[in-house]
Amino acid sequence: MTAVTTPAVESPRSATWHAFRREPLGVFAGAILIVLILVAAAAPLLAPYPASYGVDVLRPPGADYWFGTDALGRDVYASVVWGSRQSLLVAFAASAIAIVIGTLLAVVGAYLRWLDKIISVLVDLVLSLPVLPLMILTAALVGPSTGTIIAVVAAFSWPEVTRIVRSQALTVVGLPYVDAARLMTTSPVWIIGRHVLPAVTPVIVVSVVVTASRAVLSAAGLAFLGLGDPNTWSWGRILYEAQQSGAMSSSWWLTLFPSAAILLLVLSATCLSIAYNDARNPRSRKR
């Protein structure tokens, strides 16, 4: 009598990982993000901290200065390398705060339907506000600093996270196994933490990447308007000082390299989120 062997069932996490590895665009985007993170972490090893001024003013890119120099003779390469720390810090810190607030409101509102109406009105209200003028006004009133930029960006980013996670959480709350969990316990905290949050985790992962890319753009925009931290280098500050010195139009390298860094970060984060979303979708894997 021969034994019948059943094929092993692949777990959803393993299936997602295998599908993601077959997405060259997603793998390439992830590699770029890793490189940017490594550049930020190893900034002291890659370039000295930018000096206050230098003798070589507005030198174009060459062997001595890879990215050229600015109107005060400072090395643009060093500014871009050290600016990656501030830009990534704001991106990850602001997105983390927005994700925590948005996810908490989304899952609690999806489980407690009477509270969902209040949260939905609040989300619609915040999303209807003119975000950029309010961010500029808030940053100008509070004062330029890293903490201010993180708080301002996070304060206007959580409603989008709430809307995305809420749509998935509403579906999960209506599933039979959540109804069965209500028969086992009356604790909403246990049900949300044990059943609802794990089910919406893939959506949260996508939201983290998308929110981080938007946070980079928002922080760079505020820094370009002179509302960034004046004591710390960032990609937006490089553009701001190029504009203030009047060399933005004549010295192309002052805008090319920080803008390219912002573009790389935003595009790689967006492509990574798209690839991950497709990889976790069973229908996309079958195609």
Protein backbone atom coordinates (compact mmCIF):
# COMPACT_ATOMS: atom_id res chain seq x y z
CA MET A 1 0.00 0.00 0.00
CA THR A 2 1.54 3.28 -1.09
CA ALA A 3 1.30 6.31 1.12
CA VAL A 4 -0.44 9.33 -0.35
CA THR A 5 1.55 12.51 0.11
CA THR A 6 -0.20 15.83 0.09
CA PRO A 7 1.68 18.86 -1.19
CA ALA A 8 2.75 21.30 1.48
CA VAL A 9 0.57 24.37 1.70
CA GLU A 10 2.59 27.55 1.40
CA SER A 11 1.95 30.13 4.09
CA PRO A 12 0.67 33.57 2.98
CA ARG A 13 3.85 35.23 4.20
CA SER A 14 6.05 32.82 2.26
CA ALA A 15 3.88 33.16 -0.85
CA THR A 16 4.09 36.94 -0.63
CA TRP A 17 7.87 36.84 -0.30
CA HIS A 18 8.26 34.47 -3.26
CA ALA A 19 5.98 36.63 -5.40
CA PHE A 20 7.82 39.80 -4.36
CA ARG A 21 11.17 38.34 -5.38
CA ARG A 22 9.78 37.84 -8.88
CA GLU A 23 9.05 41.58 -9.12
CA PRO A 24 12.30 43.14 -10.44
CA LEU A 25 11.00 46.68 -9.99
CA GLY A 26 10.16 46.05 -6.34
CA VAL A 27 13.50 44.37 -5.63
CA PHE A 28 15.37 47.23 -7.30
CA ALA A 29 13.36 49.82 -5.36
CA GLY A 30 14.06 47.99 -2.11
CA ALA A 31 17.77 47.93 -2.91
CA ILE A 32 17.76 51.70 -3.49
CA LEU A 33 16.04 52.28 -0.15
CA ILE A 34 18.59 50.11 1.61
CA VAL A 35 21.43 52.05 -0.04
CA LEU A 36 19.93 55.37 1.06
CA ILE A 37 19.56 54.10 4.62
CA LEU A 38 23.16 52.86 4.62
CA VAL A 39 24.35 56.24 3.30
CA ALA A 40 22.53 58.00 6.14
CA ALA A 41 23.92 55.59 8.74
CA ALA A 42 27.49 55.80 7.42
CA ALA A 43 27.52 59.55 6.75
CA PRO A 44 30.55 60.23 9.04
CA LEU A 45 32.52 57.63 7.09
CA LEU A 46 31.51 58.90 3.65
CA ALA A 47 32.07 62.64 4.03
CA PRO A 48 33.13 65.18 6.67
CA TYR A 49 30.44 67.39 8.10
CA PRO A 50 29.95 70.42 5.78
CA ALA A 51 32.04 73.39 6.86
CA SER A 52 30.62 76.87 7.38
CA TYR A 53 32.37 78.17 4.29
CA GLY A 54 35.14 77.33 1.82
CA VAL A 55 37.48 79.02 -0.60
CA ASP A 56 36.25 77.30 -3.77
CA VAL A 57 32.98 79.06 -4.52
CA LEU A 58 30.50 77.59 -7.03
CA ARG A 59 32.91 75.02 -8.38
CA PRO A 60 31.21 72.61 -10.83
CA PRO A 61 31.39 68.84 -10.21
CA GLY A 62 34.84 67.40 -10.76
CA ALA A 63 37.56 65.27 -9.23
CA ASP A 64 38.00 67.54 -6.21
CA TYR A 65 34.30 68.06 -5.53
CA TRP A 66 32.10 65.27 -6.88
CA PHE A 67 28.87 67.29 -6.60
CA GLY A 68 30.48 70.74 -6.85
CA THR A 69 30.36 73.51 -4.26
CA ASP A 70 27.75 76.10 -3.29
CA ALA A 71 27.86 79.90 -3.05
CA LEU A 72 29.79 79.69 0.24
CA GLY A 73 32.29 77.14 -1.02
CA ARG A 74 30.76 74.19 0.84
CA ASP A 75 30.94 70.70 -0.63
CA VAL A 76 27.53 69.75 -2.02
CA TYR A 77 28.38 66.04 -1.82
CA ALA A 78 28.91 66.30 1.94
CA SER A 79 25.67 68.29 2.26
CA VAL A 80 23.69 65.66 0.37
CA VAL A 81 25.20 62.78 2.37
CA TRP A 82 24.58 64.44 5.73
CA GLY A 83 21.20 65.72 4.56
CA SER A 84 20.05 62.15 4.05
CA ARG A 85 20.08 61.67 7.83
CA GLN A 86 17.66 64.51 8.49
CA SER A 87 15.42 63.67 5.55
CA LEU A 88 15.13 59.98 6.47
CA LEU A 89 14.69 60.81 10.16
CA VAL A 90 11.75 63.09 9.40
CA ALA A 91 10.29 60.55 6.97
CA PHE A 92 10.39 57.59 9.32
CA ALA A 93 9.49 59.47 12.51
CA ALA A 94 6.56 61.36 10.97
CA SER A 95 5.24 58.25 9.20
CA ALA A 96 5.57 56.18 12.39
CA ILE A 97 3.51 58.69 14.37
CA ALA A 98 0.93 58.97 11.59
CA ILE A 99 0.69 55.18 11.26
CA VAL A 100 0.17 54.66 15.01
CA ILE A 101 -2.54 57.33 15.24
CA GLY A 102 -4.23 56.41 11.97
CA THR A 103 -4.21 52.66 12.59
CA LEU A 104 -5.50 53.00 16.16
CA LEU A 105 -8.40 55.19 15.08
CA ALA A 106 -9.16 52.94 12.10
CA VAL A 107 -9.36 49.60 13.95
CA VAL A 108 -11.15 51.03 16.99
CA GLY A 109 -13.66 52.79 14.77
CA ALA A 110 -14.21 49.67 12.65
CA TYR A 111 -14.91 47.57 15.75
CA LEU A 112 -16.98 50.15 17.63
CA ARG A 113 -19.38 51.32 14.95
CA TRP A 114 -20.82 54.16 17.03
CA LEU A 115 -17.34 55.64 17.27
CA ASP A 116 -16.69 55.08 13.56
CA LYS A 117 -19.13 57.86 12.60
CA ILE A 118 -17.26 60.40 14.72
CA ILE A 119 -13.86 59.30 13.35
CA SER A 120 -15.14 59.38 9.77
CA VAL A 121 -16.36 62.96 10.18
CA LEU A 122 -13.02 63.97 11.73
CA VAL A 123 -11.07 62.33 8.89
CA ASP A 124 -13.21 63.99 6.22
CA LEU A 125 -12.81 67.34 7.97
CA VAL A 126 -9.01 67.14 8.11
CA LEU A 127 -8.74 65.89 4.53
CA SER A 128 -10.85 68.80 3.32
CA LEU A 129 -8.45 71.36 4.81
CA PRO A 130 -5.76 73.02 2.65
CA VAL A 131 -2.82 70.98 3.91
CA LEU A 132 0.16 72.91 2.57
CA PRO A 133 -0.91 76.39 3.78
CA LEU A 134 -1.77 74.99 7.21
CA MET A 135 1.58 73.17 7.42
CA ILE A 136 3.39 76.40 6.51
CA LEU A 137 1.37 78.42 9.04
CA THR A 138 1.88 75.91 11.85
CA ALA A 139 5.61 75.56 11.24
CA ALA A 140 6.00 79.35 11.06
CA LEU A 141 4.10 79.93 14.32
CA VAL A 142 5.80 77.18 16.34
CA GLY A 143 9.28 77.81 15.00
CA PRO A 144 11.63 75.86 12.74
CA SER A 145 13.05 72.71 14.30
CA THR A 146 13.25 69.00 13.59
CA GLY A 147 10.57 68.21 16.15
CA THR A 148 8.26 70.80 14.66
CA ILE A 149 8.66 69.40 11.14
CA ILE A 150 7.99 65.84 12.35
CA ALA A 151 4.91 66.90 14.33
CA VAL A 152 3.49 69.03 11.51
CA VAL A 153 3.95 66.36 8.84
CA ALA A 154 2.51 63.63 11.10
CA ALA A 155 -0.48 65.79 12.09
CA PHE A 156 -1.61 66.08 8.47
CA SER A 157 -0.71 62.52 7.38
CA TRP A 158 -2.72 60.30 9.72
CA PRO A 159 -6.17 60.83 8.08
CA GLU A 160 -5.08 59.11 4.87
CA VAL A 161 -3.73 56.19 6.89
CA THR A 162 -7.00 55.98 8.80
CA ARG A 163 -9.04 55.87 5.61
CA ILE A 164 -6.89 53.14 4.02
CA VAL A 165 -6.70 50.90 7.10
CA ARG A 166 -10.37 51.46 7.95
CA SER A 167 -11.56 50.01 4.65
CA GLN A 168 -9.68 46.78 5.35
CA ALA A 169 -10.61 46.70 9.04
CA LEU A 170 -14.34 46.96 8.26
CA THR A 171 -14.07 43.84 6.13
CA VAL A 172 -12.15 41.94 8.80
CA VAL A 173 -14.57 42.86 11.60
CA GLY A 174 -17.44 41.31 9.64
CA LEU A 175 -15.72 37.93 9.15
CA PRO A 176 -17.03 34.82 10.99
CA TYR A 177 -13.90 34.21 13.07
CA VAL A 178 -14.22 37.69 14.61
CA ASP A 179 -17.84 36.91 15.51
CA ALA A 180 -16.62 33.67 17.10
CA ALA A 181 -14.03 35.64 19.08
CA ARG A 182 -16.82 37.79 20.51
CA LEU A 183 -18.34 34.63 21.99
CA MET A 184 -15.07 33.84 23.73
CA THR A 185 -14.47 37.25 25.30
CA THR A 186 -16.07 40.63 25.66
CA SER A 187 -12.75 42.49 25.66
CA PRO A 188 -12.45 44.68 22.54
CA VAL A 189 -8.74 45.15 23.23
CA TRP A 190 -8.08 41.40 23.02
CA ILE A 191 -10.14 40.95 19.85
CA ILE A 192 -8.59 43.96 18.11
CA GLY A 193 -5.05 43.00 19.10
CA ARG A 194 -5.43 39.29 18.45
CA HIS A 195 -7.52 39.24 15.29
CA VAL A 196 -8.08 42.64 13.68
CA LEU A 197 -4.57 44.12 13.77
CA PRO A 198 -2.80 41.05 12.30
CA ALA A 199 -5.32 40.99 9.46
CA VAL A 200 -4.69 44.63 8.49
CA THR A 201 -0.90 44.46 8.89
CA PRO A 202 -0.22 44.17 5.13
CA VAL A 203 -2.19 47.37 4.54
CA ILE A 204 -0.23 49.06 7.33
CA VAL A 205 3.06 48.07 5.71
CA VAL A 206 1.99 49.69 2.45
CA SER A 207 0.81 52.78 4.32
CA VAL A 208 4.18 53.12 6.08
CA VAL A 209 6.09 53.25 2.80
CA VAL A 210 3.66 55.64 1.09
CA THR A 211 3.42 57.93 4.12
CA ALA A 212 7.22 58.05 4.45
CA SER A 213 7.62 59.17 0.84
CA ARG A 214 5.00 61.89 1.28
CA ALA A 215 6.68 62.99 4.50
CA VAL A 216 9.96 63.46 2.61
CA LEU A 217 8.24 65.71 0.07
CA SER A 218 6.45 67.70 2.77
CA ALA A 219 9.61 68.16 4.85
CA ALA A 220 11.63 69.17 1.78
CA GLY A 221 8.94 71.66 0.79
CA LEU A 222 8.90 73.25 4.25
CA ALA A 223 12.71 73.41 4.34
CA PHE A 224 12.76 74.97 0.86
CA LEU A 225 10.47 77.70 2.20
CA GLY A 226 12.89 78.37 5.05
CA LEU A 227 10.84 76.56 7.70
CA GLY A 228 13.24 73.67 8.26
CA ASP A 229 15.75 73.21 11.04
CA PRO A 230 18.50 75.78 10.35
CA ASN A 231 20.98 73.83 12.47
CA THR A 232 20.74 70.57 10.55
CA TRP A 233 21.45 69.74 6.93
CA SER A 234 18.62 68.35 4.83
CA TRP A 235 17.93 68.02 1.13
CA GLY A 236 15.36 70.78 1.35
CA ARG A 237 17.82 73.12 3.08
CA ILE A 238 20.33 72.66 0.22
CA LEU A 239 17.67 73.81 -2.24
CA TYR A 240 16.65 76.68 0.04
CA GLU A 241 20.19 78.03 0.35
CA ALA A 242 20.74 77.68 -3.40
CA GLN A 243 17.61 79.76 -3.98
CA GLN A 244 18.61 82.35 -1.37
CA SER A 245 22.06 82.79 -2.86
CA GLY A 246 20.63 83.37 -6.33
CA ALA A 247 22.76 80.58 -7.81
CA MET A 248 19.93 78.13 -8.43
CA SER A 249 19.53 79.05 -12.11
CA SER A 250 23.22 79.46 -12.94
CA SER A 251 24.69 76.52 -10.97
CA TRP A 252 22.71 73.45 -12.06
CA TRP A 253 24.46 71.08 -9.67
CA LEU A 254 23.04 72.86 -6.62
CA THR A 255 19.54 71.66 -7.49
CA LEU A 256 20.28 68.46 -9.43
CA PHE A 257 21.81 66.31 -6.70
CA PRO A 258 19.46 67.05 -3.76
CA SER A 259 16.47 66.86 -6.10
CA ALA A 260 17.73 63.53 -7.47
CA ALA A 261 18.05 62.20 -3.91
CA ILE A 262 14.47 63.22 -3.10
CA LEU A 263 13.24 61.71 -6.36
CA LEU A 264 15.06 58.44 -5.75
CA LEU A 265 13.62 58.09 -2.27
CA VAL A 266 10.05 58.90 -3.28
CA LEU A 267 10.06 56.76 -6.44
CA SER A 268 11.68 53.77 -4.74
CA ALA A 269 9.22 53.93 -1.83
CA THR A 270 6.27 54.16 -4.22
CA CYS A 271 7.49 51.29 -6.43
CA LEU A 272 8.22 49.17 -3.36
CA SER A 273 4.70 49.66 -2.00
CA ILE A 274 3.15 48.81 -5.39
CA ALA A 275 5.26 45.67 -5.75
CA TYR A 276 4.48 44.52 -2.22
CA ASN A 277 0.77 45.16 -2.69
CA ASP A 278 0.78 43.10 -5.89
CA ALA A 279 2.80 40.32 -4.25
CA ARG A 280 0.36 39.90 -1.37
CA ASN A 281 -2.63 39.83 -3.73
CA PRO A 282 -3.43 36.18 -4.68
CA ARG A 283 -5.03 37.28 -7.94
CA SER A 284 -1.90 39.13 -9.00
CA ARG A 285 0.24 36.10 -8.11
CA LYS A 286 -1.85 33.86 -10.34
CA ARG A 287 -1.43 36.20 -13.29
